[in-house]
């Protein structure tokens, strides 16, 4: 693990952060209890956004993980505007990009907003979350999809570029699963 200019770190009991992770220029890192962050993830922030007037003062520059959060290997989390992963959420697969700042060409300026992954939601491999987007409670972002701001329907599979709700997942087994162990392999 490499911590560069991280101002505040809070880590809950039973949490495992594997080697090879980079945390850079964060105003805060909060990791709840029983979380797992596997190798080669990058959580970074641009410090200049701390002075932006419309930034959320509590979350700008912060990576905030609730309890029982899982982040697998090789993901990039831009925490400039803040990234929140609520309890029992996960980023699975590899190479997901989570953004919390962007360029607004209409105003020719950089903006930031909190990006949120709600409780019991899951992100599949090689997805992108745009600045200010929210994956609603109990939802899944399908592999290769791009989530834009404005999604609010809970318990759905979101897929596509940009992602849209394609079906409900209220009957899917992952919603009742409360164990950090790997799911069983189908025989």
Protein backbone atom coordinates (compact mmCIF):
# COMPACT_ATOMS: atom_id res chain seq x y z
CA UNK A 1 0.00 0.00 0.00
CA UNK A 2 1.15 3.48 -0.76
CA UNK A 3 -0.35 6.53 0.95
CA UNK A 4 0.69 9.90 -0.50
CA UNK A 5 -0.73 13.08 1.03
CA UNK A 6 -3.76 11.36 2.61
CA UNK A 7 -4.92 13.71 5.36
CA UNK A 8 -7.16 11.41 7.42
CA UNK A 9 -7.48 7.61 7.53
CA UNK A 10 -10.13 5.59 9.39
CA UNK A 11 -10.23 1.80 8.98
CA UNK A 12 -12.81 -0.44 10.66
CA UNK A 13 -12.25 -3.79 12.35
CA UNK A 14 -11.88 -6.89 10.21
CA UNK A 15 -10.98 -4.92 7.08
CA UNK A 16 -8.38 -6.23 4.62
CA UNK A 17 -6.58 -3.85 2.25
CA UNK A 18 -4.19 -5.88 0.13
CA UNK A 19 -0.76 -4.72 -0.99
CA UNK A 20 -0.31 -2.78 -4.22
CA UNK A 21 -3.04 -0.17 -3.66
CA UNK A 22 -2.38 3.56 -4.14
CA UNK A 23 -4.13 6.30 -2.15
CA UNK A 24 -3.06 9.78 -3.27
CA UNK A 25 -4.07 13.35 -2.36
CA UNK A 26 -7.22 12.27 -0.50
CA UNK A 27 -8.71 14.59 2.09
CA UNK A 28 -10.07 11.51 3.82
CA UNK A 29 -10.24 7.73 3.60
CA UNK A 30 -13.01 6.04 5.60
CA UNK A 31 -13.23 2.26 5.37
CA UNK A 32 -15.98 0.54 7.36
CA UNK A 33 -15.85 -2.84 9.08
CA UNK A 34 -15.17 -6.12 7.26
CA UNK A 35 -14.30 -4.54 3.91
CA UNK A 36 -11.95 -6.06 1.35
CA UNK A 37 -9.92 -4.11 -1.17
CA UNK A 38 -7.82 -6.37 -3.37
CA UNK A 39 -4.62 -5.38 -5.24
CA UNK A 40 -3.71 -2.65 -7.71
CA UNK A 41 -6.54 -0.17 -7.12
CA UNK A 42 -5.97 3.59 -7.32
CA UNK A 43 -7.92 6.11 -5.25
CA UNK A 44 -6.82 9.65 -6.06
CA UNK A 45 -8.12 13.21 -5.87
CA UNK A 46 -7.24 16.60 -7.30
CA UNK A 47 -6.73 18.86 -4.24
CA UNK A 48 -7.85 22.04 -6.09
CA UNK A 49 -11.48 20.81 -5.98
CA UNK A 50 -11.50 21.35 -2.18
CA UNK A 51 -11.93 25.06 -2.94
CA UNK A 52 -14.82 24.69 -5.41
CA UNK A 53 -17.91 26.45 -4.05
CA UNK A 54 -20.49 23.87 -5.20
CA UNK A 55 -18.49 20.84 -3.96
CA UNK A 56 -19.96 18.81 -1.08
CA UNK A 57 -17.84 20.03 1.88
CA UNK A 58 -18.19 16.70 3.71
CA UNK A 59 -17.16 14.47 0.81
CA UNK A 60 -14.92 16.42 -1.56
CA UNK A 61 -11.62 14.53 -1.84
CA UNK A 62 -12.95 11.61 0.24
CA UNK A 63 -13.26 7.88 -0.43
CA UNK A 64 -15.99 6.65 1.95
CA UNK A 65 -16.70 2.91 2.17
CA UNK A 66 -19.48 1.51 4.36
CA UNK A 67 -19.37 -1.91 6.05
CA UNK A 68 -18.82 -5.13 4.06
CA UNK A 69 -17.71 -3.38 0.87
CA UNK A 70 -15.74 -5.34 -1.73
CA UNK A 71 -13.44 -3.84 -4.36
CA UNK A 72 -11.64 -6.41 -6.50
CA UNK A 73 -8.45 -5.76 -8.49
CA UNK A 74 -7.30 -3.01 -10.84
CA UNK A 75 -9.93 -0.26 -10.50
CA UNK A 76 -9.46 3.53 -10.63
CA UNK A 77 -11.48 5.75 -8.28
CA UNK A 78 -11.31 9.50 -8.84
CA UNK A 79 -12.33 10.92 -5.46
CA UNK A 80 -11.97 14.62 -6.35
CA UNK A 81 -15.69 15.27 -5.77
CA UNK A 82 -16.07 12.30 -3.41
CA UNK A 83 -16.86 8.61 -3.88
CA UNK A 84 -19.29 6.81 -1.55
CA UNK A 85 -19.86 3.05 -1.52
CA UNK A 86 -22.62 2.12 0.91
CA UNK A 87 -22.68 -1.12 2.93
CA UNK A 88 -22.71 -4.45 1.07
CA UNK A 89 -21.83 -2.83 -2.26
CA UNK A 90 -19.14 -4.14 -4.60
CA UNK A 91 -16.97 -3.27 -7.56
CA UNK A 92 -16.22 -6.62 -9.20
CA UNK A 93 -14.16 -7.72 -12.19
CA UNK A 94 -11.35 -5.46 -13.37
CA UNK A 95 -10.70 -2.00 -14.80
CA UNK A 96 -13.74 -0.02 -13.65
CA UNK A 97 -13.40 3.77 -13.80
CA UNK A 98 -15.26 5.80 -11.17
CA UNK A 99 -15.18 9.55 -11.82
CA UNK A 100 -16.22 12.38 -9.52
CA UNK A 101 -14.98 15.27 -11.63
CA UNK A 102 -15.47 16.17 -15.28
CA UNK A 103 -14.99 18.86 -17.88
CA UNK A 104 -18.00 21.00 -18.83
CA UNK A 105 -17.29 22.28 -22.36
CA UNK A 106 -20.33 24.61 -22.32
CA UNK A 107 -18.74 26.58 -19.46
CA UNK A 108 -15.11 25.62 -20.21
CA UNK A 109 -14.52 24.58 -16.62
CA UNK A 110 -13.93 21.54 -14.46
CA UNK A 111 -16.75 20.49 -12.15
CA UNK A 112 -17.06 17.90 -9.40
CA UNK A 113 -19.87 15.96 -7.74
CA UNK A 114 -20.20 12.97 -5.41
CA UNK A 115 -20.45 9.61 -7.17
CA UNK A 116 -22.39 7.04 -5.17
CA UNK A 117 -22.85 3.26 -5.20
CA UNK A 118 -25.84 2.51 -2.98
CA UNK A 119 -26.42 -0.34 -0.53
CA UNK A 120 -26.36 -3.91 -1.92
CA UNK A 121 -25.44 -2.71 -5.42
CA UNK A 122 -22.80 -4.27 -7.64
CA UNK A 123 -20.63 -2.96 -10.46
CA UNK A 124 -19.39 -5.47 -13.08
CA UNK A 125 -16.07 -5.36 -14.97
CA UNK A 126 -14.88 -2.56 -17.25
CA UNK A 127 -17.66 -0.14 -16.45
CA UNK A 128 -17.54 3.63 -16.14
CA UNK A 129 -19.40 5.79 -13.62
CA UNK A 130 -19.63 9.46 -14.59
CA UNK A 131 -19.20 12.27 -12.10
CA UNK A 132 -22.33 12.71 -9.99
CA UNK A 133 -23.88 9.38 -10.96
CA UNK A 134 -25.65 7.11 -8.47
CA UNK A 135 -26.20 3.37 -8.82
CA UNK A 136 -29.48 2.91 -6.92
CA UNK A 137 -30.01 0.47 -4.04
CA UNK A 138 -29.94 -3.22 -4.94
CA UNK A 139 -28.94 -2.59 -8.55
CA UNK A 140 -26.30 -4.00 -10.88
CA UNK A 141 -24.31 -2.13 -13.52
CA UNK A 142 -23.65 -4.61 -16.34
CA UNK A 143 -20.21 -5.26 -17.79
CA UNK A 144 -18.95 -2.54 -20.11
CA UNK A 145 -21.75 -0.08 -19.28
CA UNK A 146 -21.50 3.65 -18.63
CA UNK A 147 -23.61 5.08 -15.78
CA UNK A 148 -24.62 8.74 -16.12
CA UNK A 149 -26.31 10.92 -13.45
CA UNK A 150 -30.08 10.73 -13.01
CA UNK A 151 -30.74 7.03 -12.40
CA UNK A 152 -33.11 6.41 -9.49
CA UNK A 153 -35.00 3.13 -10.06
CA UNK A 154 -33.90 0.65 -7.39
CA UNK A 155 -33.37 -3.11 -7.79
CA UNK A 156 -32.63 -2.99 -11.52
CA UNK A 157 -30.02 -4.21 -13.95
CA UNK A 158 -28.57 -1.19 -15.73
CA UNK A 159 -26.85 -1.85 -19.06
CA UNK A 160 -25.63 0.00 -22.12
CA UNK A 161 -23.88 3.22 -23.08
CA UNK A 162 -25.39 5.20 -21.51
CA UNK A 163 -26.82 2.67 -19.08
CA UNK A 164 -30.58 2.33 -18.72
CA UNK A 165 -32.72 0.04 -16.55
CA UNK A 166 -33.29 -3.14 -18.58
CA UNK A 167 -34.96 -5.40 -16.00
CA UNK A 168 -35.81 -5.74 -12.34
CA UNK A 169 -33.59 -7.91 -10.14
CA UNK A 170 -35.79 -8.25 -7.04
CA UNK A 171 -35.76 -12.05 -7.40
CA UNK A 172 -31.97 -12.40 -7.84
CA UNK A 173 -30.07 -14.34 -5.16
CA UNK A 174 -27.31 -11.76 -4.69
CA UNK A 175 -29.70 -9.48 -2.78
CA UNK A 176 -30.00 -11.92 0.12
CA UNK A 177 -26.33 -12.91 0.17
CA UNK A 178 -24.55 -11.63 3.29
CA UNK A 179 -21.17 -13.32 3.06
CA UNK A 180 -17.93 -11.95 1.62
CA UNK A 181 -16.86 -15.41 0.42
CA UNK A 182 -16.65 -16.13 -3.30
CA UNK A 183 -19.94 -17.47 -4.73
CA UNK A 184 -19.98 -21.21 -5.45
CA UNK A 185 -18.90 -22.39 -8.90
CA UNK A 186 -21.76 -23.89 -10.90
CA UNK A 187 -21.35 -27.65 -11.41
